[in-house]
């Protein structure tokens, strides 16, 4: 269905995330991957969705010379805990601090997606509330050592071991926590 809808477009996914790439394959979308380096810095006054909207848009800016059939899709995900954004951890120590902070608490996972063509740009977003049970230092260290979650916002992947043992409750889209609000993206692309 979506493949037919997009048959006249060149869909470009600007993400090195293997999870986002898999979602596009699962949606049966023909797409190419194009990566452009962007320094992911945002104004410090931004909060929550404002951060991910800003970064999704920022990642789309290098794609200024699109042809009329190009659609570029960029995305950003953060974990929002206690009025603070948790991005990707710098190292094991940073990952440990993030997971220790998430232990026993509720947080939001916020993802924004920019859909940009020569003639329009639309930014969509989604929020999922995730509750973690208390996790021990041993569990945190085991996860970091064996899963190396350095490419994941908040230092965890819901689809990995830590998600199986630590997530108590979820309000919203599971796929948004993995890194893409697939249901919303599908709807927007169907409406092009």
N, C-alpha and C. Protein backbone atom coordinates (compact mmCIF):
# COMPACT_ATOMS: atom_id res chain seq x y z
N UNK A 1 0.81 -1.21 0.00
CA UNK A 1 0.00 0.00 0.00
C UNK A 1 0.85 1.27 0.00
N UNK A 2 1.70 1.40 1.03
CA UNK A 2 2.55 2.58 1.11
C UNK A 2 3.56 2.59 -0.04
N UNK A 3 4.07 1.43 -0.39
CA UNK A 3 5.03 1.33 -1.50
C UNK A 3 4.41 1.90 -2.78
N UNK A 4 3.16 1.57 -3.03
CA UNK A 4 2.45 2.06 -4.21
C UNK A 4 2.27 3.58 -4.13
N UNK A 5 1.91 4.05 -2.95
CA UNK A 5 1.70 5.49 -2.73
C UNK A 5 2.98 6.29 -3.01
N UNK A 6 4.13 5.71 -2.68
CA UNK A 6 5.41 6.42 -2.79
C UNK A 6 6.20 6.06 -4.05
N UNK A 7 5.57 5.35 -4.98
CA UNK A 7 6.32 4.83 -6.13
C UNK A 7 6.97 5.91 -6.99
N UNK A 8 6.43 7.12 -6.99
CA UNK A 8 7.00 8.20 -7.79
C UNK A 8 7.99 9.07 -7.02
N UNK A 9 8.29 8.67 -5.78
CA UNK A 9 9.18 9.45 -4.94
C UNK A 9 10.49 8.72 -4.68
N UNK A 10 11.52 9.49 -4.46
CA UNK A 10 12.81 8.98 -4.02
C UNK A 10 12.88 9.24 -2.51
N UNK A 11 12.61 8.21 -1.71
CA UNK A 11 12.59 8.36 -0.26
C UNK A 11 14.01 8.18 0.27
N UNK A 12 14.46 9.17 1.01
CA UNK A 12 15.81 9.17 1.58
C UNK A 12 15.69 9.13 3.10
N UNK A 13 16.25 8.11 3.70
CA UNK A 13 16.30 8.03 5.16
C UNK A 13 17.68 8.52 5.59
N UNK A 14 17.71 9.61 6.33
CA UNK A 14 18.97 10.17 6.81
C UNK A 14 19.21 9.70 8.24
N UNK A 15 19.50 8.42 8.37
CA UNK A 15 19.73 7.84 9.69
C UNK A 15 20.63 6.63 9.58
N UNK A 16 21.60 6.54 10.49
CA UNK A 16 22.43 5.34 10.51
C UNK A 16 21.89 4.31 11.49
N UNK A 17 20.77 4.61 12.13
CA UNK A 17 20.17 3.68 13.09
C UNK A 17 19.69 2.41 12.37
N UNK A 18 20.24 1.25 12.75
CA UNK A 18 19.76 0.01 12.13
C UNK A 18 18.29 -0.27 12.46
N UNK A 19 17.82 0.24 13.58
CA UNK A 19 16.41 0.03 13.96
C UNK A 19 15.48 0.83 13.05
N UNK A 20 15.84 2.08 12.77
CA UNK A 20 15.01 2.89 11.86
C UNK A 20 15.03 2.30 10.45
N UNK A 21 16.20 1.85 10.02
CA UNK A 21 16.31 1.24 8.69
C UNK A 21 15.42 -0.01 8.61
N UNK A 22 15.40 -0.80 9.67
CA UNK A 22 14.56 -2.00 9.68
C UNK A 22 13.08 -1.64 9.62
N UNK A 23 12.67 -0.59 10.32
CA UNK A 23 11.27 -0.16 10.26
C UNK A 23 10.87 0.19 8.83
N UNK A 24 11.75 0.87 8.10
CA UNK A 24 11.45 1.21 6.71
C UNK A 24 11.32 -0.05 5.86
N UNK A 25 12.19 -1.02 6.10
CA UNK A 25 12.07 -2.29 5.38
C UNK A 25 10.76 -2.99 5.74
N UNK A 26 10.41 -2.96 7.03
CA UNK A 26 9.17 -3.60 7.49
C UNK A 26 7.93 -2.94 6.87
N UNK A 27 8.01 -1.64 6.61
CA UNK A 27 6.90 -0.92 5.96
C UNK A 27 6.88 -1.14 4.45
N UNK A 28 7.89 -1.88 3.95
CA UNK A 28 8.00 -2.18 2.53
C UNK A 28 8.15 -0.91 1.69
N UNK A 29 8.96 0.01 2.22
CA UNK A 29 9.24 1.26 1.50
C UNK A 29 10.57 1.10 0.76
N UNK A 30 10.58 1.49 -0.52
CA UNK A 30 11.85 1.58 -1.25
C UNK A 30 12.53 2.87 -0.80
N UNK A 31 13.75 2.77 -0.29
CA UNK A 31 14.43 3.95 0.21
C UNK A 31 15.93 3.80 0.04
N UNK A 32 16.60 4.96 0.09
CA UNK A 32 18.05 4.98 0.12
C UNK A 32 18.47 5.62 1.43
N UNK A 33 19.71 5.38 1.82
CA UNK A 33 20.24 5.98 3.04
C UNK A 33 21.27 7.02 2.63
N UNK A 34 21.11 8.21 3.18
CA UNK A 34 22.09 9.28 2.95
C UNK A 34 22.39 9.92 4.30
N UNK A 35 23.65 9.96 4.64
CA UNK A 35 24.05 10.51 5.93
C UNK A 35 24.82 11.79 5.73
N UNK A 36 24.46 12.81 6.49
CA UNK A 36 25.19 14.08 6.48
C UNK A 36 25.46 14.42 7.94
N UNK A 37 26.73 14.69 8.23
CA UNK A 37 27.11 14.98 9.61
C UNK A 37 26.52 16.32 10.07
N UNK A 38 25.93 16.29 11.24
CA UNK A 38 25.36 17.49 11.85
C UNK A 38 25.77 17.48 13.32
N UNK A 39 26.20 18.62 13.80
CA UNK A 39 26.52 18.73 15.22
C UNK A 39 25.20 18.92 15.97
N UNK A 40 24.84 17.94 16.77
CA UNK A 40 23.53 17.93 17.42
C UNK A 40 23.54 18.79 18.68
N UNK A 41 23.55 20.08 18.47
CA UNK A 41 23.52 21.04 19.58
C UNK A 41 22.23 21.84 19.46
N UNK A 42 21.55 21.99 20.58
CA UNK A 42 20.28 22.72 20.59
C UNK A 42 20.33 23.80 21.67
N UNK A 43 19.51 24.85 21.50
CA UNK A 43 19.47 25.92 22.51
C UNK A 43 19.06 25.35 23.87
N UNK A 44 19.73 25.82 24.91
CA UNK A 44 19.51 25.26 26.26
C UNK A 44 18.14 25.58 26.84
N UNK A 45 17.44 26.53 26.26
CA UNK A 45 16.11 26.87 26.77
C UNK A 45 15.02 25.92 26.28
N UNK A 46 15.35 25.05 25.32
CA UNK A 46 14.35 24.12 24.79
C UNK A 46 14.08 22.99 25.79
N UNK A 47 12.85 22.50 25.78
CA UNK A 47 12.43 21.42 26.68
C UNK A 47 11.69 20.34 25.88
N UNK A 48 11.89 19.09 26.27
CA UNK A 48 11.09 17.97 25.75
C UNK A 48 10.98 17.93 24.23
N UNK A 49 9.73 17.98 23.75
CA UNK A 49 9.45 17.90 22.31
C UNK A 49 10.15 19.01 21.53
N UNK A 50 10.33 20.16 22.15
CA UNK A 50 11.02 21.27 21.45
C UNK A 50 12.43 20.83 21.04
N UNK A 51 13.08 20.03 21.88
CA UNK A 51 14.45 19.56 21.58
C UNK A 51 14.44 18.63 20.38
N UNK A 52 13.58 17.61 20.41
CA UNK A 52 13.58 16.64 19.31
C UNK A 52 13.07 17.25 18.02
N UNK A 53 12.09 18.16 18.10
CA UNK A 53 11.63 18.86 16.89
C UNK A 53 12.79 19.66 16.29
N UNK A 54 13.52 20.38 17.14
CA UNK A 54 14.65 21.19 16.69
C UNK A 54 15.71 20.32 16.03
N UNK A 55 16.06 19.20 16.67
CA UNK A 55 17.13 18.34 16.14
C UNK A 55 16.71 17.61 14.87
N UNK A 56 15.45 17.17 14.79
CA UNK A 56 14.98 16.52 13.55
C UNK A 56 15.06 17.52 12.39
N UNK A 57 14.66 18.77 12.66
CA UNK A 57 14.75 19.82 11.64
C UNK A 57 16.21 20.13 11.30
N UNK A 58 17.06 20.25 12.32
CA UNK A 58 18.47 20.52 12.11
C UNK A 58 19.12 19.47 11.21
N UNK A 59 18.78 18.21 11.43
CA UNK A 59 19.33 17.12 10.62
C UNK A 59 18.85 17.18 9.17
N UNK A 60 17.72 17.84 8.93
CA UNK A 60 17.20 17.95 7.55
C UNK A 60 17.83 19.10 6.78
N UNK A 61 18.43 20.06 7.48
CA UNK A 61 18.94 21.28 6.82
C UNK A 61 20.02 21.01 5.77
N UNK A 62 20.94 20.04 5.96
CA UNK A 62 21.94 19.79 4.90
C UNK A 62 21.32 19.31 3.57
N UNK A 63 20.06 18.88 3.62
CA UNK A 63 19.38 18.41 2.40
C UNK A 63 18.59 19.57 1.80
N UNK A 64 19.32 20.59 1.36
CA UNK A 64 18.67 21.81 0.87
C UNK A 64 18.32 21.73 -0.61
N UNK A 65 19.10 20.98 -1.38
CA UNK A 65 18.89 20.94 -2.83
C UNK A 65 18.18 19.66 -3.25
N UNK A 66 16.94 19.53 -2.83
CA UNK A 66 16.17 18.34 -3.17
C UNK A 66 15.51 18.51 -4.53
N UNK A 67 15.41 17.42 -5.27
CA UNK A 67 14.64 17.47 -6.52
C UNK A 67 13.16 17.33 -6.17
N UNK A 68 12.30 17.55 -7.14
CA UNK A 68 10.87 17.59 -6.84
C UNK A 68 10.31 16.25 -6.37
N UNK A 69 11.00 15.15 -6.65
CA UNK A 69 10.51 13.83 -6.23
C UNK A 69 11.19 13.29 -4.97
N UNK A 70 12.09 14.07 -4.39
CA UNK A 70 12.79 13.61 -3.19
C UNK A 70 11.98 13.87 -1.93
N UNK A 71 12.01 12.91 -1.04
CA UNK A 71 11.49 13.10 0.32
C UNK A 71 12.58 12.62 1.27
N UNK A 72 13.05 13.52 2.12
CA UNK A 72 14.08 13.13 3.09
C UNK A 72 13.45 13.06 4.48
N UNK A 73 13.80 12.01 5.19
CA UNK A 73 13.24 11.78 6.52
C UNK A 73 14.38 11.75 7.52
N UNK A 74 14.29 12.65 8.50
CA UNK A 74 15.26 12.71 9.59
C UNK A 74 14.51 12.56 10.90
N UNK A 75 15.24 12.16 11.93
CA UNK A 75 14.56 11.87 13.19
C UNK A 75 15.50 12.06 14.36
N UNK A 76 14.93 12.31 15.52
CA UNK A 76 15.71 12.38 16.75
C UNK A 76 14.89 11.87 17.92
N UNK A 77 15.56 11.17 18.83
CA UNK A 77 14.91 10.62 20.02
C UNK A 77 15.70 11.03 21.26
N UNK A 78 14.97 11.42 22.29
CA UNK A 78 15.60 11.65 23.60
C UNK A 78 14.78 10.93 24.67
N UNK A 79 15.43 10.71 25.78
CA UNK A 79 14.75 10.28 27.00
C UNK A 79 14.64 11.53 27.87
N UNK A 80 13.45 11.81 28.36
CA UNK A 80 13.19 13.01 29.15
C UNK A 80 12.89 12.58 30.58
N UNK A 81 13.80 12.89 31.49
CA UNK A 81 13.70 12.48 32.88
C UNK A 81 13.94 13.67 33.79
N UNK A 82 13.01 13.91 34.71
CA UNK A 82 13.18 15.00 35.69
C UNK A 82 13.57 16.31 35.02
N UNK A 83 12.86 16.65 33.96
CA UNK A 83 13.05 17.91 33.25
C UNK A 83 14.45 18.04 32.63
N UNK A 84 15.00 16.90 32.25
CA UNK A 84 16.33 16.89 31.64
C UNK A 84 16.37 15.87 30.50
N UNK A 85 17.07 16.22 29.42
CA UNK A 85 17.20 15.33 28.27
C UNK A 85 18.38 14.39 28.46
N UNK A 86 18.13 13.11 28.23
CA UNK A 86 19.20 12.12 28.20
C UNK A 86 19.37 11.69 26.75
N UNK A 87 20.52 11.99 26.19
CA UNK A 87 20.81 11.58 24.82
C UNK A 87 21.57 10.27 24.83
N UNK A 88 22.50 10.12 23.91
CA UNK A 88 23.33 8.91 23.84
C UNK A 88 24.48 9.05 24.83
N UNK A 89 24.80 7.99 25.56
CA UNK A 89 25.89 8.09 26.53
C UNK A 89 27.25 8.19 25.84
N UNK A 90 28.15 8.92 26.49
CA UNK A 90 29.50 9.11 25.95
C UNK A 90 30.37 7.87 26.15
N UNK A 91 30.14 7.17 27.26
CA UNK A 91 30.97 6.01 27.62
C UNK A 91 30.23 5.16 28.65
N UNK A 92 30.89 4.13 29.17
CA UNK A 92 30.27 3.22 30.14
C UNK A 92 29.84 3.93 31.41
N UNK A 93 30.66 4.84 31.87
CA UNK A 93 30.34 5.58 33.10
C UNK A 93 29.08 6.42 32.91
N UNK A 94 28.99 7.09 31.77
CA UNK A 94 27.82 7.92 31.45
C UNK A 94 26.57 7.03 31.33
N UNK A 95 26.72 5.88 30.68
CA UNK A 95 25.59 4.94 30.54
C UNK A 95 25.13 4.47 31.92
N UNK A 96 26.07 4.17 32.78
CA UNK A 96 25.73 3.71 34.14
C UNK A 96 24.93 4.79 34.87
N UNK A 97 25.40 6.04 34.79
CA UNK A 97 24.70 7.15 35.47
C UNK A 97 23.27 7.29 34.96
N UNK A 98 23.10 7.18 33.64
CA UNK A 98 21.76 7.31 33.06
C UNK A 98 20.84 6.19 33.56
N UNK A 99 21.31 4.96 33.49
CA UNK A 99 20.47 3.83 33.90
C UNK A 99 20.19 3.87 35.40
N UNK A 100 21.15 4.29 36.19
CA UNK A 100 20.94 4.44 37.64
C UNK A 100 19.84 5.47 37.88
N UNK A 101 19.87 6.59 37.11
CA UNK A 101 18.86 7.65 37.26
C UNK A 101 17.47 7.17 36.83
N UNK A 102 17.40 6.28 35.84
CA UNK A 102 16.10 5.78 35.35
C UNK A 102 15.50 4.72 36.27
N UNK A 103 16.34 4.07 37.05
CA UNK A 103 15.90 2.97 37.91
C UNK A 103 14.78 3.41 38.86
N UNK A 104 13.66 2.67 38.84
CA UNK A 104 12.55 2.93 39.75
C UNK A 104 11.73 4.16 39.41
N UNK A 105 11.92 4.73 38.21
CA UNK A 105 11.22 5.97 37.86
C UNK A 105 10.47 5.85 36.53
N UNK A 106 9.59 6.83 36.34
CA UNK A 106 8.90 7.00 35.05
C UNK A 106 9.65 8.06 34.25
N UNK A 107 9.73 7.86 32.95
CA UNK A 107 10.33 8.87 32.09
C UNK A 107 9.57 8.89 30.77
N UNK A 108 9.84 9.88 29.97
CA UNK A 108 9.23 9.97 28.64
C UNK A 108 10.29 9.70 27.58
N UNK A 109 9.90 8.97 26.56
CA UNK A 109 10.73 8.84 25.37
C UNK A 109 10.04 9.66 24.28
N UNK A 110 10.78 10.62 23.76
CA UNK A 110 10.22 11.57 22.79
C UNK A 110 10.98 11.41 21.47
N UNK A 111 10.23 11.20 20.41
CA UNK A 111 10.82 11.12 19.08
C UNK A 111 10.12 12.11 18.16
N UNK A 112 10.91 12.84 17.39
CA UNK A 112 10.37 13.72 16.36
C UNK A 112 10.92 13.27 15.02
N UNK A 113 10.09 13.42 13.99
CA UNK A 113 10.45 13.03 12.63
C UNK A 113 10.16 14.20 11.70
N UNK A 114 11.14 14.56 10.88
CA UNK A 114 10.95 15.57 9.85
C UNK A 114 10.76 14.87 8.52
N UNK A 115 9.70 15.24 7.83
CA UNK A 115 9.43 14.75 6.47
C UNK A 115 9.56 15.98 5.57
N UNK A 116 10.59 15.98 4.72
CA UNK A 116 10.90 17.19 3.95
C UNK A 116 11.01 16.88 2.47
N UNK A 117 10.39 17.75 1.67
CA UNK A 117 10.53 17.67 0.21
C UNK A 117 10.94 19.06 -0.28
N UNK A 118 11.02 19.21 -1.57
CA UNK A 118 11.35 20.52 -2.15
C UNK A 118 10.28 21.55 -1.80
N UNK A 119 9.02 21.10 -1.68
CA UNK A 119 7.89 22.02 -1.51
C UNK A 119 7.29 22.08 -0.12
N UNK A 120 7.64 21.17 0.76
CA UNK A 120 7.03 21.21 2.09
C UNK A 120 7.94 20.53 3.11
N UNK A 121 7.66 20.83 4.37
CA UNK A 121 8.28 20.12 5.47
C UNK A 121 7.24 19.98 6.57
N UNK A 122 7.18 18.78 7.13
CA UNK A 122 6.26 18.54 8.24
C UNK A 122 7.05 17.83 9.33
N UNK A 123 6.88 18.26 10.56
CA UNK A 123 7.52 17.59 11.69
C UNK A 123 6.42 16.99 12.56
N UNK A 124 6.54 15.69 12.78
CA UNK A 124 5.61 14.98 13.65
C UNK A 124 6.40 14.47 14.86
N UNK A 125 5.69 14.20 15.94
CA UNK A 125 6.37 13.69 17.12
C UNK A 125 5.45 12.77 17.93
N UNK A 126 6.06 12.06 18.85
CA UNK A 126 5.30 11.15 19.70
C UNK A 126 6.00 11.04 21.05
N UNK A 127 5.20 10.80 22.08
CA UNK A 127 5.73 10.62 23.43
C UNK A 127 5.21 9.31 23.99
N UNK A 128 6.10 8.52 24.55
CA UNK A 128 5.73 7.29 25.25
C UNK A 128 6.25 7.40 26.68
N UNK A 129 5.40 7.08 27.63
CA UNK A 129 5.80 7.10 29.04
C UNK A 129 6.23 5.68 29.42
N UNK A 130 7.44 5.58 29.97
CA UNK A 130 8.03 4.28 30.32
C UNK A 130 8.32 4.27 31.82
N UNK A 131 7.91 3.20 32.49
CA UNK A 131 8.20 3.03 33.91
C UNK A 131 9.21 1.91 34.09
N UNK A 132 10.30 2.23 34.77
CA UNK A 132 11.34 1.24 35.10
C UNK A 132 11.12 0.75 36.52
N UNK A 133 11.32 -0.53 36.74
CA UNK A 133 11.38 -1.05 38.11
C UNK A 133 12.78 -0.71 38.64
N UNK A 134 12.99 -0.96 39.92
CA UNK A 134 14.34 -0.77 40.48
C UNK A 134 15.27 -1.80 39.83
N UNK A 135 16.42 -1.33 39.37
CA UNK A 135 17.42 -2.26 38.82
C UNK A 135 18.71 -2.12 39.62
N UNK A 136 19.38 -3.23 39.80
CA UNK A 136 20.60 -3.25 40.62
C UNK A 136 21.81 -2.78 39.81
N UNK A 137 22.86 -2.41 40.53
CA UNK A 137 24.11 -2.04 39.88
C UNK A 137 24.65 -3.20 39.05
N UNK A 138 24.52 -4.43 39.56
CA UNK A 138 24.98 -5.61 38.83
C UNK A 138 24.23 -5.77 37.51
N UNK A 139 22.91 -5.54 37.55
CA UNK A 139 22.10 -5.63 36.32
C UNK A 139 22.52 -4.55 35.32
N UNK A 140 22.75 -3.34 35.82
CA UNK A 140 23.17 -2.25 34.95
C UNK A 140 24.52 -2.58 34.30
N UNK A 141 25.47 -3.03 35.11
CA UNK A 141 26.80 -3.35 34.60
C UNK A 141 26.75 -4.51 33.59
N UNK A 142 25.94 -5.51 33.88
CA UNK A 142 25.78 -6.64 32.96
C UNK A 142 25.27 -6.14 31.60
N UNK A 143 24.25 -5.30 31.65
CA UNK A 143 23.67 -4.77 30.41
C UNK A 143 24.69 -3.96 29.61
N UNK A 144 25.38 -3.03 30.27
CA UNK A 144 26.35 -2.18 29.57
C UNK A 144 27.47 -3.02 28.95
N UNK A 145 27.97 -4.00 29.72
CA UNK A 145 29.07 -4.85 29.25
C UNK A 145 28.66 -5.69 28.05
N UNK A 146 27.46 -6.25 28.11
CA UNK A 146 27.03 -7.21 27.08
C UNK A 146 26.30 -6.59 25.90
N UNK A 147 25.69 -5.42 26.09
CA UNK A 147 24.89 -4.83 25.02
C UNK A 147 25.42 -3.50 24.48
N UNK A 148 26.36 -2.90 25.19
CA UNK A 148 27.03 -1.67 24.73
C UNK A 148 26.05 -0.65 24.12
N UNK A 149 25.16 -0.09 24.96
CA UNK A 149 24.08 0.76 24.45
C UNK A 149 24.48 2.21 24.19
N UNK A 150 25.62 2.41 23.53
CA UNK A 150 26.15 3.76 23.36
C UNK A 150 25.51 4.51 22.19
N UNK A 151 24.72 3.83 21.38
CA UNK A 151 24.04 4.50 20.27
C UNK A 151 22.56 4.71 20.57
N UNK A 152 22.20 4.62 21.86
CA UNK A 152 20.79 4.69 22.23
C UNK A 152 20.53 5.80 23.24
N UNK A 153 19.51 6.60 22.98
CA UNK A 153 19.11 7.64 23.92
C UNK A 153 18.77 7.01 25.26
N UNK A 154 19.27 7.62 26.33
CA UNK A 154 18.99 7.11 27.67
C UNK A 154 19.76 5.85 28.01
N UNK A 155 20.64 5.41 27.12
CA UNK A 155 21.52 4.25 27.33
C UNK A 155 20.77 2.93 27.43
N UNK A 156 19.61 2.84 26.75
CA UNK A 156 18.95 1.54 26.74
C UNK A 156 18.13 1.33 25.49
N UNK A 157 17.98 0.06 25.14
CA UNK A 157 17.10 -0.34 24.05
C UNK A 157 15.97 -1.18 24.64
N UNK A 158 14.75 -0.74 24.46
CA UNK A 158 13.58 -1.44 25.02
C UNK A 158 13.49 -2.87 24.50
N UNK A 159 14.00 -3.10 23.28
CA UNK A 159 13.91 -4.41 22.64
C UNK A 159 15.01 -5.36 23.11
N UNK A 160 15.91 -4.86 23.96
CA UNK A 160 17.03 -5.67 24.44
C UNK A 160 16.76 -6.20 25.85
N UNK A 161 17.73 -6.90 26.39
CA UNK A 161 17.63 -7.56 27.69
C UNK A 161 17.10 -6.62 28.78
N UNK A 162 17.63 -5.41 28.84
CA UNK A 162 17.22 -4.46 29.89
C UNK A 162 15.72 -4.14 29.79
N UNK A 163 15.22 -4.07 28.57
CA UNK A 163 13.79 -3.83 28.39
C UNK A 163 12.95 -4.97 28.92
N UNK A 164 13.45 -6.18 28.73
CA UNK A 164 12.72 -7.36 29.19
C UNK A 164 12.65 -7.42 30.72
N UNK A 165 13.73 -7.01 31.38
CA UNK A 165 13.77 -7.18 32.83
C UNK A 165 13.42 -5.92 33.63
N UNK A 166 13.52 -4.75 33.01
CA UNK A 166 13.38 -3.50 33.78
C UNK A 166 12.09 -2.73 33.52
N UNK A 167 11.48 -2.91 32.36
CA UNK A 167 10.31 -2.09 32.05
C UNK A 167 9.07 -2.71 32.66
N UNK A 168 8.50 -1.92 33.53
CA UNK A 168 7.35 -2.31 34.32
C UNK A 168 6.04 -2.01 33.59
N UNK A 169 6.02 -0.86 32.91
CA UNK A 169 4.77 -0.36 32.34
C UNK A 169 5.10 0.60 31.19
N UNK A 170 4.22 0.63 30.22
CA UNK A 170 4.41 1.46 29.03
C UNK A 170 3.09 2.12 28.68
N UNK A 171 3.12 3.43 28.44
CA UNK A 171 1.92 4.15 27.97
C UNK A 171 2.27 4.80 26.65
N UNK A 172 1.75 4.23 25.57
CA UNK A 172 2.05 4.76 24.25
C UNK A 172 2.68 3.72 23.35
N UNK A 173 3.38 4.17 22.34
CA UNK A 173 3.91 3.30 21.30
C UNK A 173 5.25 2.67 21.70
N UNK A 174 5.30 1.36 21.65
CA UNK A 174 6.55 0.61 21.85
C UNK A 174 7.57 1.02 20.80
N UNK A 175 7.12 1.15 19.54
CA UNK A 175 8.03 1.45 18.43
C UNK A 175 8.63 2.85 18.56
N UNK A 176 7.90 3.76 19.17
CA UNK A 176 8.45 5.08 19.43
C UNK A 176 9.66 4.98 20.35
N UNK A 177 9.61 4.09 21.33
CA UNK A 177 10.73 3.92 22.26
C UNK A 177 11.92 3.29 21.53
N UNK A 178 11.64 2.41 20.58
CA UNK A 178 12.72 1.82 19.77
C UNK A 178 13.38 2.91 18.92
N UNK A 179 12.62 3.95 18.55
CA UNK A 179 13.25 5.07 17.84
C UNK A 179 12.47 5.67 16.69
N UNK A 180 11.23 5.21 16.46
CA UNK A 180 10.45 5.79 15.37
C UNK A 180 8.96 5.55 15.62
N UNK A 181 8.15 6.63 15.64
CA UNK A 181 6.71 6.45 15.79
C UNK A 181 6.13 5.98 14.45
N UNK A 182 6.29 4.70 14.19
CA UNK A 182 6.00 4.12 12.88
C UNK A 182 4.55 4.39 12.45
N UNK A 183 3.61 4.24 13.39
CA UNK A 183 2.20 4.43 13.05
C UNK A 183 1.92 5.85 12.57
N UNK A 184 2.55 6.85 13.18
CA UNK A 184 2.35 8.24 12.76
C UNK A 184 3.06 8.54 11.44
N UNK A 185 4.27 8.01 11.29
CA UNK A 185 5.00 8.21 10.03
C UNK A 185 4.23 7.58 8.86
N UNK A 186 3.73 6.38 9.06
CA UNK A 186 2.94 5.70 8.02
C UNK A 186 1.77 6.59 7.58
N UNK A 187 1.04 7.12 8.56
CA UNK A 187 -0.14 7.94 8.25
C UNK A 187 0.26 9.19 7.48
N UNK A 188 1.34 9.84 7.89
CA UNK A 188 1.78 11.06 7.18
C UNK A 188 2.20 10.75 5.75
N UNK A 189 2.92 9.65 5.56
CA UNK A 189 3.36 9.29 4.22
C UNK A 189 2.18 8.88 3.34
N UNK A 190 1.18 8.26 3.93
CA UNK A 190 -0.03 7.90 3.16
C UNK A 190 -0.80 9.14 2.71
N UNK A 191 -0.61 10.25 3.44
CA UNK A 191 -1.33 11.48 3.13
C UNK A 191 -0.60 12.40 2.17
N UNK A 192 0.58 12.00 1.71
CA UNK A 192 1.34 12.85 0.78
C UNK A 192 0.62 12.93 -0.55
